[in-house]
């Protein structure tokens, strides 16, 4: 990989993490509101919080992180959202639910701390999927 591509990848990784930090704050806020204010169970609350974050992150990744790889028509953007939800969403939802269950029920970690650990664990896989599958460069016709 050339120096220019390495710098570009590092900058993209930093942008990805900035969006991720904002998304993590949203996710934790939604989780806290659902579990502590609305008194909902933590696993369904985790699903709601993660999906809220997936939609938030998609918008910001498309407009900021991978701004140099714009989608074409609305159908392409919709397919991109489906790919994002299907990959990053699956990793985030399954990873968060499984890790939350392990950390909270088995290891007795507090809910919000367990959620931070789950978010960090899923982030690397999500970046790779985003860069190589969801926001891949468009093929020239």
Protein backbone atom coordinates (compact mmCIF):
# COMPACT_ATOMS: atom_id res chain seq x y z
CA UNK A 1 0.00 0.00 0.00
CA UNK A 2 1.42 3.39 -0.98
CA UNK A 3 2.01 6.16 1.56
CA UNK A 4 -0.89 8.17 0.13
CA UNK A 5 -3.27 5.23 0.48
CA UNK A 6 -2.05 4.56 4.02
CA UNK A 7 -2.66 8.18 5.03
CA UNK A 8 -6.07 8.08 3.35
CA UNK A 9 -6.97 4.88 5.23
CA UNK A 10 -5.82 6.36 8.56
CA UNK A 11 -7.91 9.49 7.96
CA UNK A 12 -10.92 7.37 7.04
CA UNK A 13 -10.39 5.25 10.19
CA UNK A 14 -10.31 8.44 12.29
CA UNK A 15 -13.51 9.72 10.64
CA UNK A 16 -15.12 6.31 11.17
CA UNK A 17 -14.24 6.45 14.85
CA UNK A 18 -15.52 10.01 15.25
CA UNK A 19 -18.88 8.96 13.82
CA UNK A 20 -18.68 5.84 15.98
CA UNK A 21 -18.09 7.85 19.16
CA UNK A 22 -21.09 10.05 18.43
CA UNK A 23 -23.11 6.94 17.59
CA UNK A 24 -21.95 5.24 20.78
CA UNK A 25 -23.15 8.25 22.80
CA UNK A 26 -26.51 7.99 21.03
CA UNK A 27 -26.66 4.24 21.64
CA UNK A 28 -25.85 4.56 25.34
CA UNK A 29 -28.37 7.41 25.71
CA UNK A 30 -31.14 5.43 24.04
CA UNK A 31 -30.25 2.35 26.11
CA UNK A 32 -30.28 4.38 29.32
CA UNK A 33 -33.61 6.00 28.41
CA UNK A 34 -35.16 2.63 27.60
CA UNK A 35 -33.84 0.73 30.62
CA UNK A 36 -33.74 3.36 33.37
CA UNK A 37 -36.52 5.77 32.36
CA UNK A 38 -38.98 3.52 30.50
CA UNK A 39 -38.06 0.47 32.66
CA UNK A 40 -37.83 -1.84 29.64
CA UNK A 41 -35.77 -5.03 29.70
CA UNK A 42 -32.13 -4.55 28.72
CA UNK A 43 -32.03 -6.93 25.71
CA UNK A 44 -34.97 -5.40 23.76
CA UNK A 45 -33.65 -1.98 24.78
CA UNK A 46 -30.25 -2.95 23.36
CA UNK A 47 -31.87 -3.82 20.01
CA UNK A 48 -33.68 -0.45 19.86
CA UNK A 49 -30.51 1.42 20.83
CA UNK A 50 -28.34 -0.41 18.30
CA UNK A 51 -30.79 0.06 15.40
CA UNK A 52 -31.07 3.77 16.20
CA UNK A 53 -27.31 3.98 16.05
CA UNK A 54 -27.09 1.97 12.82
CA UNK A 55 -29.37 4.46 11.05
CA UNK A 56 -27.51 7.45 12.53
CA UNK A 57 -24.11 6.05 11.59
CA UNK A 58 -25.20 5.18 8.05
CA UNK A 59 -26.17 8.78 7.35
CA UNK A 60 -22.92 10.17 8.76
CA UNK A 61 -20.67 7.55 7.17
CA UNK A 62 -22.23 8.24 3.80
CA UNK A 63 -21.93 12.04 4.16
CA UNK A 64 -18.62 12.20 6.04
CA UNK A 65 -16.52 9.04 6.33
CA UNK A 66 -17.01 7.80 2.77
CA UNK A 67 -18.04 11.13 1.22
CA UNK A 68 -15.61 10.47 -1.66
CA UNK A 69 -17.66 7.39 -2.64
CA UNK A 70 -21.13 8.82 -3.31
CA UNK A 71 -24.10 6.62 -4.10
CA UNK A 72 -25.84 7.06 -7.41
CA UNK A 73 -29.62 7.14 -7.73
CA UNK A 74 -32.04 6.56 -4.85
CA UNK A 75 -32.18 2.83 -5.57
CA UNK A 76 -28.42 2.56 -5.13
CA UNK A 77 -28.61 4.47 -1.85
CA UNK A 78 -31.41 2.16 -0.66
CA UNK A 79 -29.30 -0.89 -1.55
CA UNK A 80 -26.38 0.65 0.30
CA UNK A 81 -28.55 1.13 3.39
CA UNK A 82 -29.68 -2.51 3.12
CA UNK A 83 -26.03 -3.64 2.86
CA UNK A 84 -25.12 -1.46 5.85
CA UNK A 85 -28.02 -2.77 7.93
CA UNK A 86 -27.30 -6.34 6.83
CA UNK A 87 -23.59 -6.25 7.61
CA UNK A 88 -22.79 -3.56 10.16
CA UNK A 89 -26.27 -3.99 11.57
CA UNK A 90 -25.91 -7.75 11.95
CA UNK A 91 -22.45 -7.45 13.50
CA UNK A 92 -23.65 -4.70 15.85
CA UNK A 93 -26.97 -6.31 16.80
CA UNK A 94 -25.72 -9.87 17.20
CA UNK A 95 -22.43 -8.79 18.73
CA UNK A 96 -24.10 -6.41 21.17
CA UNK A 97 -26.88 -8.80 22.19
CA UNK A 98 -24.54 -11.77 22.64
CA UNK A 99 -21.87 -9.77 24.44
CA UNK A 100 -24.43 -7.95 26.59
CA UNK A 101 -25.94 -11.26 27.64
CA UNK A 102 -22.51 -12.70 28.45
CA UNK A 103 -21.22 -9.62 30.23
CA UNK A 104 -24.39 -8.72 32.15
CA UNK A 105 -25.78 -12.15 33.02
CA UNK A 106 -22.64 -14.24 33.31
CA UNK A 107 -20.01 -11.74 34.41
CA UNK A 108 -22.34 -9.28 36.19
CA UNK A 109 -20.90 -6.21 34.44
CA UNK A 110 -23.14 -3.11 34.74
CA UNK A 111 -25.37 -2.63 31.66
CA UNK A 112 -23.83 0.60 30.34
CA UNK A 113 -20.24 -0.56 30.86
CA UNK A 114 -21.06 -3.85 29.13
CA UNK A 115 -22.53 -1.87 26.22
CA UNK A 116 -19.33 0.17 25.81
CA UNK A 117 -17.30 -3.06 25.70
CA UNK A 118 -19.66 -4.52 23.08
CA UNK A 119 -19.44 -1.39 20.92
CA UNK A 120 -15.63 -1.44 20.95
CA UNK A 121 -15.52 -5.12 20.11
CA UNK A 122 -17.72 -4.72 17.01
CA UNK A 123 -16.09 -1.57 15.60
CA UNK A 124 -13.11 -3.08 13.77
CA UNK A 125 -15.23 -5.61 11.89
CA UNK A 126 -17.72 -2.89 10.98
CA UNK A 127 -14.99 -0.63 9.54
CA UNK A 128 -13.69 -3.39 7.29
CA UNK A 129 -17.21 -4.26 6.10
CA UNK A 130 -17.98 -0.59 5.50
CA UNK A 131 -14.83 0.08 3.52
CA UNK A 132 -14.82 -3.07 1.38
CA UNK A 133 -18.52 -3.88 0.97
CA UNK A 134 -21.01 -1.16 1.92
CA UNK A 135 -19.21 1.97 0.70
CA UNK A 136 -16.98 0.31 -1.88
CA UNK A 137 -16.06 2.53 -4.81
CA UNK A 138 -18.56 2.48 -7.67
CA UNK A 139 -17.48 0.62 -10.76
CA UNK A 140 -16.91 2.80 -13.80
CA UNK A 141 -19.10 1.94 -16.73
